[in-house]
Each structure stands twice: as C-alpha cells, then as structure tokens.
Amino acid sequence: VGGLGMTIGPLVGAVLVASSWALVCFVAAICFAVGALVTALLLPSIAVEAERQPIGRGIGIAARDRLFVAFTLLLAGYWFMWVQLSISLPLAAQRFAPLEVTTSWGTWRIGGGASVYAVNAGLTVVLQYPVLALAHRFLRPLPIVMLGASLMAAGLAAIALVTGMPALLGCIAVFALGAMLIQPVQQEITAEMADPRSLGSYFGFSALALAFGGGLGNFAGGWLYDLARDWTLPALPWLVFGAAGSIVVVGLLALDRVRGRAETAAGTASQSATS
C-alpha cells in the first residue's frame, strides 16, 4: 500500500502543479497532517517483547551480516533506476509530440511528464496485486526481484531506440511492471534475512539503499541527460541505466547462489548435530 502512495503521488503532483506550486504545497501538508492523525488515533499500541540493547548494537549486527549488506548494495541499484521516474523519464517525454486519443468524450492529448506518471500509476494500481500473486506462484522472492530488475533495465535501455510517444509509453509500462514486482518483495526479503533480535535495525539499514542509490540516481540522471545533449548522444543515459540494472541482476543471481549454499551447509550441520 505504501508503494501505491509513492506511485500515485508524482501523478497527483504533476496535475496540481499545473494550477499552482502553492496548491502542491498545501495538499502535501494536508496529506502529512492526515497521516499524523491516523497514526495517533487509529494505530493500535503494540507492546514488543525484546531485550533492551544499545542503539548501535542492532545496526552493528546488520552491518556485519555480509549477505544482507550485499543485498542492500544491490537494492541501491534498484533505487538508482527507480528515481529516473522523477527526472529522466519526464525529460524524455518532453522530446516527443503528445499522443492524441479521440474518444466519444473528445480528443485527449497524452504527453509530457504527466503521461509518464499516469502510465506508471495506472498500471501499478490495476496490476500490482495480480502480478505479484502470479509471480509468487512460480518464483521465490529473490528471483522475483531479479525479474523485476531485468524488466526495469530493459524498459530503460529500450528508450535509446524510441522515436515516438507510443513507444516511450510502452517502455515505461515495462519499467513499471518491473518496479511493481520489486517494491513489496524487497521488504519481504529484508524481513527474511534479518536477525529477529534486530528486525527494526535491519529495515533501517536497508533504507540506506534508497538514501544512496536514490541520491546518486537523481544526480546521475540529470548529469547524464545534460551530457547526452552536449555530446549529441541521446542514447547515453538509457544505456547507462540499462547497464546498471544488468549489474543488479547479475549481483542478485550471485547472491541467490551464495545464500543457497549457505542454507544447504546450515541444514547439513543441523542434521549432523541432531544425529
């Protein structure tokens, strides 16, 4: 559900900013206020039974978990791609004339940044639950993230070949399909890998992936787009984004194999201890 907010928020912002920037600020402030009230009034008070420990101990446990650190670094690559939704993809949409769709209610012009957010938000709202349910029927969580990263990388890289708005929106649809697979499943994997004594610390450590990957992605997206314009190499950003996604997929594949061997070894040791 939180992922839906992240997906729909940019679309709402794009619609509101056409009216005024002040309206965007007021609506955002109201959303925060409503969230605070709901949290204070409706969320139950949950008593957690856990041993008290120093603040840095939980983070230290997570930081010494080499497999989890590797997973967090790879998630940074996912966020590096995801934040292009707010910078590089809207810039790409400005290159093409709007797509005109004629209906019985009139002619609709689909183009610009709003079209990027509309496709992403619409597909996520409609397809995320059934697509995730289908993926879980056939794949384990980590391969689902691999599939999602592959789709995101393919969608971004394919923009290097795009010559019109319909093809661009098709690439964004592929990108959105991959993103909707990763967002909830990466939290599931974090909970699965976490030490039960420091579950909150693991999720906190995992958030560093968004901080570093998202920050780098925002910087690199704008910088690469300017560089591509100066060097007359329009495919440059999209090839870099696709390469970054490919690195994430290869890294996840290696991580999955290492985890498999570690779990097999742990199972063998457990059987030997009980026999």
Protein backbone atom coordinates (compact mmCIF):
# COMPACT_ATOMS: atom_id res chain seq x y z
CA VAL A 1 0.00 0.00 0.00
CA GLY A 2 2.84 2.38 0.78
CA GLY A 3 4.22 1.71 -2.67
CA LEU A 4 0.95 2.91 -4.19
CA GLY A 5 1.40 6.24 -2.44
CA MET A 6 4.90 6.58 -3.89
CA THR A 7 3.49 5.75 -7.32
CA ILE A 8 0.36 7.91 -7.31
CA GLY A 9 1.96 10.89 -5.53
CA PRO A 10 4.00 12.12 -8.53
CA LEU A 11 0.93 11.88 -10.78
CA VAL A 12 -1.16 13.97 -8.37
CA GLY A 13 1.71 16.44 -8.05
CA ALA A 14 2.03 16.77 -11.82
CA VAL A 15 -1.69 17.55 -12.10
CA LEU A 16 -1.69 20.05 -9.22
CA VAL A 17 1.45 21.91 -10.28
CA ALA A 18 -0.33 22.88 -13.50
CA SER A 19 -2.56 25.02 -11.29
CA SER A 20 -0.02 26.46 -8.85
CA TRP A 21 3.00 25.50 -6.78
CA ALA A 22 1.28 26.75 -3.64
CA LEU A 23 -1.54 24.25 -4.17
CA VAL A 24 1.00 21.42 -4.34
CA CYS A 25 2.49 22.54 -1.03
CA PHE A 26 -0.89 22.87 0.70
CA VAL A 27 -2.10 19.45 -0.47
CA ALA A 28 1.20 17.83 0.58
CA ALA A 29 0.94 19.44 4.02
CA ILE A 30 -2.65 18.19 4.39
CA CYS A 31 -1.52 14.65 3.49
CA PHE A 32 1.14 14.74 6.20
CA ALA A 33 -1.36 16.08 8.73
CA VAL A 34 -3.89 13.36 7.88
CA GLY A 35 -1.17 10.75 8.16
CA ALA A 36 -0.18 12.03 11.59
CA LEU A 37 -3.79 11.96 12.81
CA VAL A 38 -4.39 8.45 11.51
CA THR A 39 -1.19 7.27 13.17
CA ALA A 40 -2.06 8.88 16.50
CA LEU A 41 -5.73 7.90 16.63
CA LEU A 42 -6.14 4.62 14.77
CA LEU A 43 -2.94 2.62 15.03
CA PRO A 44 -3.03 0.21 17.98
CA SER A 45 -0.45 0.37 20.74
CA ILE A 46 1.72 -2.71 20.28
CA ALA A 47 3.93 -3.93 23.10
CA VAL A 48 7.07 -5.53 21.70
CA GLU A 49 8.88 -8.10 23.81
CA ALA A 50 12.54 -7.69 23.11
CA GLU A 51 15.71 -7.45 25.10
CA ARG A 52 16.98 -3.93 25.61
CA GLN A 53 20.20 -3.24 23.76
CA PRO A 54 22.39 -0.24 22.96
CA ILE A 55 21.27 1.85 20.00
CA GLY A 56 24.25 0.92 17.86
CA ARG A 57 24.14 -2.80 18.57
CA GLY A 58 21.31 -3.62 16.16
CA ILE A 59 22.86 -1.60 13.34
CA GLY A 60 26.16 -3.32 14.06
CA ILE A 61 24.55 -6.75 13.71
CA ALA A 62 23.08 -5.74 10.35
CA ALA A 63 26.34 -4.18 9.16
CA ARG A 64 28.27 -7.38 9.95
CA ASP A 65 25.79 -9.53 8.03
CA ARG A 66 27.72 -9.73 4.76
CA LEU A 67 24.89 -11.24 2.72
CA PHE A 68 22.46 -8.60 3.90
CA VAL A 69 24.95 -5.80 3.20
CA ALA A 70 25.37 -7.20 -0.32
CA PHE A 71 21.59 -7.26 -0.76
CA THR A 72 21.34 -3.65 0.43
CA LEU A 73 24.02 -2.55 -2.04
CA LEU A 74 22.14 -4.25 -4.86
CA LEU A 75 18.91 -2.59 -3.75
CA ALA A 76 20.71 0.74 -4.17
CA GLY A 77 20.92 -0.15 -7.87
CA TYR A 78 17.16 -0.69 -7.92
CA TRP A 79 16.55 2.74 -6.39
CA PHE A 80 19.08 4.23 -8.83
CA MET A 81 16.78 3.08 -11.63
CA TRP A 82 13.51 3.86 -9.84
CA VAL A 83 14.23 7.55 -9.27
CA GLN A 84 14.55 8.07 -13.04
CA LEU A 85 10.77 8.14 -12.88
CA SER A 86 11.03 11.62 -11.38
CA ILE A 87 13.79 13.06 -13.58
CA SER A 88 14.97 11.28 -16.73
CA LEU A 89 11.68 9.77 -17.89
CA PRO A 90 9.71 13.05 -17.74
CA LEU A 91 12.58 14.74 -19.61
CA ALA A 92 12.38 12.03 -22.28
CA ALA A 93 8.64 12.59 -22.63
CA GLN A 94 9.26 16.27 -23.43
CA ARG A 95 11.10 15.26 -26.62
CA PHE A 96 8.02 13.94 -28.40
CA ALA A 97 4.73 15.39 -29.54
CA PRO A 98 1.78 14.36 -27.37
CA LEU A 99 -0.18 11.28 -28.35
CA GLU A 100 -3.74 12.23 -29.41
CA VAL A 101 -6.53 9.79 -28.50
CA THR A 102 -10.01 10.51 -29.87
CA THR A 103 -12.96 9.23 -27.86
CA SER A 104 -16.69 9.95 -27.69
CA TRP A 105 -15.89 12.50 -24.96
CA GLY A 106 -13.46 14.36 -27.19
CA THR A 107 -9.79 14.28 -28.11
CA TRP A 108 -7.28 13.65 -25.34
CA ARG A 109 -3.66 14.72 -25.63
CA ILE A 110 -1.30 12.41 -23.75
CA GLY A 111 2.21 13.70 -23.35
CA GLY A 112 4.78 15.31 -21.07
CA GLY A 113 5.67 14.27 -17.54
CA ALA A 114 2.03 13.68 -16.58
CA SER A 115 1.78 10.87 -19.14
CA VAL A 116 4.78 9.12 -17.56
CA TYR A 117 3.20 9.26 -14.12
CA ALA A 118 -0.23 8.26 -15.44
CA VAL A 119 1.06 5.09 -17.10
CA ASN A 120 3.14 4.13 -14.08
CA ALA A 121 0.38 4.83 -11.55
CA GLY A 122 -2.40 3.25 -13.61
CA LEU A 123 -0.53 0.01 -14.20
CA THR A 124 0.59 -0.22 -10.57
CA VAL A 125 -2.91 0.29 -9.18
CA VAL A 126 -4.52 -2.19 -11.56
CA LEU A 127 -1.86 -4.88 -11.91
CA GLN A 128 0.38 -4.96 -8.84
CA TYR A 129 -1.65 -7.39 -6.75
CA PRO A 130 -2.45 -9.94 -9.51
CA VAL A 131 1.08 -9.75 -10.95
CA LEU A 132 2.64 -10.33 -7.53
CA ALA A 133 0.26 -13.20 -6.80
CA LEU A 134 1.19 -14.83 -10.10
CA ALA A 135 4.91 -14.32 -9.52
CA HIS A 136 4.72 -15.86 -6.04
CA ARG A 137 3.10 -18.98 -7.50
CA PHE A 138 6.16 -19.79 -9.59
CA LEU A 139 9.16 -17.96 -8.08
CA ARG A 140 10.90 -17.44 -4.76
CA PRO A 141 11.24 -13.84 -3.51
CA LEU A 142 14.81 -13.24 -4.69
CA PRO A 143 14.17 -14.43 -8.28
CA ILE A 144 11.11 -12.16 -8.34
CA VAL A 145 13.39 -9.21 -7.58
CA MET A 146 15.76 -10.41 -10.33
CA LEU A 147 12.87 -10.50 -12.80
CA GLY A 148 11.73 -7.04 -11.73
CA ALA A 149 15.22 -5.57 -12.09
CA SER A 150 15.55 -7.18 -15.53
CA LEU A 151 12.29 -5.59 -16.69
CA MET A 152 13.26 -2.19 -15.31
CA ALA A 153 16.66 -2.35 -17.01
CA ALA A 154 15.12 -3.47 -20.30
CA GLY A 155 12.50 -0.73 -20.20
CA LEU A 156 15.10 1.96 -19.58
CA ALA A 157 17.63 0.66 -22.12
CA ALA A 158 14.97 0.34 -24.84
CA ILE A 159 14.29 4.09 -24.65
CA ALA A 160 17.57 4.51 -26.55
CA LEU A 161 15.69 3.21 -29.61
CA VAL A 162 12.44 5.15 -29.10
CA THR A 163 11.29 7.57 -31.80
CA GLY A 164 7.80 8.50 -30.62
CA MET A 165 5.46 8.82 -27.65
CA PRO A 166 3.67 5.44 -28.07
CA ALA A 167 6.97 3.54 -27.96
CA LEU A 168 8.14 5.60 -24.97
CA LEU A 169 4.96 4.81 -23.03
CA GLY A 170 5.47 1.12 -23.89
CA CYS A 171 8.97 1.25 -22.38
CA ILE A 172 7.58 2.97 -19.29
CA ALA A 173 4.98 0.19 -18.97
CA VAL A 174 7.77 -2.43 -18.97
CA PHE A 175 9.67 -0.37 -16.39
CA ALA A 176 6.54 -0.05 -14.21
CA LEU A 177 5.91 -3.79 -14.38
CA GLY A 178 9.39 -4.46 -13.05
CA ALA A 179 9.14 -1.84 -10.31
CA MET A 180 5.82 -3.20 -9.03
CA LEU A 181 7.43 -6.62 -8.60
CA ILE A 182 10.36 -5.34 -6.56
CA GLN A 183 8.85 -2.79 -4.18
CA PRO A 184 6.92 -5.12 -1.81
CA VAL A 185 9.12 -8.19 -2.28
CA GLN A 186 12.35 -6.44 -1.26
CA GLN A 187 10.77 -5.77 2.16
CA GLU A 188 9.79 -9.43 2.40
CA ILE A 189 13.40 -10.45 1.73
CA THR A 190 14.68 -7.95 4.32
CA ALA A 191 12.42 -9.50 6.97
CA GLU A 192 13.51 -13.00 5.91
CA MET A 193 17.23 -12.19 6.14
CA ALA A 194 17.02 -10.17 9.35
CA ASP A 195 18.16 -11.32 12.75
CA PRO A 196 14.90 -11.48 14.81
CA ARG A 197 16.62 -9.61 17.66
CA SER A 198 17.27 -6.58 15.45
CA LEU A 199 14.45 -6.56 12.91
CA GLY A 200 13.95 -2.79 13.06
CA SER A 201 17.67 -2.16 12.66
CA TYR A 202 17.74 -4.32 9.54
CA PHE A 203 14.94 -2.30 7.98
CA GLY A 204 16.69 0.91 8.99
CA PHE A 205 19.94 -0.29 7.43
CA SER A 206 18.04 -1.31 4.31
CA ALA A 207 16.75 2.25 3.94
CA LEU A 208 20.34 3.30 3.21
CA ALA A 209 19.81 1.75 -0.23
CA LEU A 210 17.23 4.42 -1.02
CA ALA A 211 19.37 7.18 0.51
CA PHE A 212 22.49 6.38 -1.51
CA GLY A 213 21.02 4.76 -4.61
CA GLY A 214 18.23 7.30 -4.93
CA GLY A 215 20.55 10.24 -4.30
CA LEU A 216 23.08 9.01 -6.85
CA GLY A 217 20.31 8.24 -9.33
CA ASN A 218 18.90 11.76 -9.12
CA PHE A 219 22.32 13.31 -9.62
CA ALA A 220 23.37 10.91 -12.38
CA GLY A 221 20.04 11.19 -14.21
CA GLY A 222 20.27 14.92 -14.68
CA TRP A 223 24.02 14.90 -15.32
CA LEU A 224 23.84 12.14 -17.94
CA TYR A 225 20.92 13.82 -19.67
CA ASP A 226 22.88 17.08 -19.95
CA LEU A 227 25.97 15.19 -21.07
CA ALA A 228 24.00 13.35 -23.74
CA ARG A 229 22.67 16.66 -25.05
CA ASP A 230 26.12 18.30 -25.11
CA TRP A 231 27.75 15.32 -26.81
CA THR A 232 24.79 14.64 -29.11
CA LEU A 233 24.49 11.10 -27.76
CA PRO A 234 20.79 10.75 -26.85
CA ALA A 235 21.14 7.02 -26.10
CA LEU A 236 23.83 7.55 -23.43
CA PRO A 237 21.65 7.83 -20.29
CA TRP A 238 19.47 4.89 -21.20
CA LEU A 239 22.39 2.60 -21.95
CA VAL A 240 23.98 3.54 -18.60
CA PHE A 241 20.72 2.88 -16.74
CA GLY A 242 20.31 -0.44 -18.53
CA ALA A 243 23.88 -1.41 -17.67
CA ALA A 244 23.30 -0.51 -14.01
CA GLY A 245 20.22 -2.72 -13.95
CA SER A 246 22.14 -5.58 -15.56
CA ILE A 247 24.77 -5.35 -12.82
CA VAL A 248 22.00 -5.57 -10.22
CA VAL A 249 20.56 -8.70 -11.87
CA VAL A 250 23.96 -10.43 -12.04
CA GLY A 251 24.65 -9.49 -8.42
CA LEU A 252 21.29 -10.85 -7.27
CA LEU A 253 21.92 -14.09 -9.13
CA ALA A 254 25.28 -14.49 -7.38
CA LEU A 255 23.71 -13.63 -4.02
CA ASP A 256 20.97 -16.21 -4.54
CA ARG A 257 23.55 -18.92 -5.20
CA VAL A 258 25.64 -17.97 -2.16
CA ARG A 259 22.53 -17.96 0.05
CA GLY A 260 21.53 -21.35 -1.32
CA ARG A 261 24.92 -22.85 -0.49
CA ALA A 262 24.87 -21.27 2.98
CA GLU A 263 21.39 -22.65 3.72
CA THR A 264 22.41 -26.10 2.49
CA ALA A 265 25.51 -26.07 4.68
CA ALA A 266 23.47 -24.91 7.69
CA GLY A 267 20.95 -27.69 7.12
CA THR A 268 23.67 -30.30 6.87
CA ALA A 269 25.31 -29.05 10.08
CA SER A 270 21.95 -29.12 11.88
CA GLN A 271 21.31 -32.71 10.81
CA SER A 272 24.79 -33.75 11.92
CA ALA A 273 24.27 -32.14 15.32
CA THR A 274 20.97 -33.97 15.92
CA SER A 275 22.18 -37.39 14.74
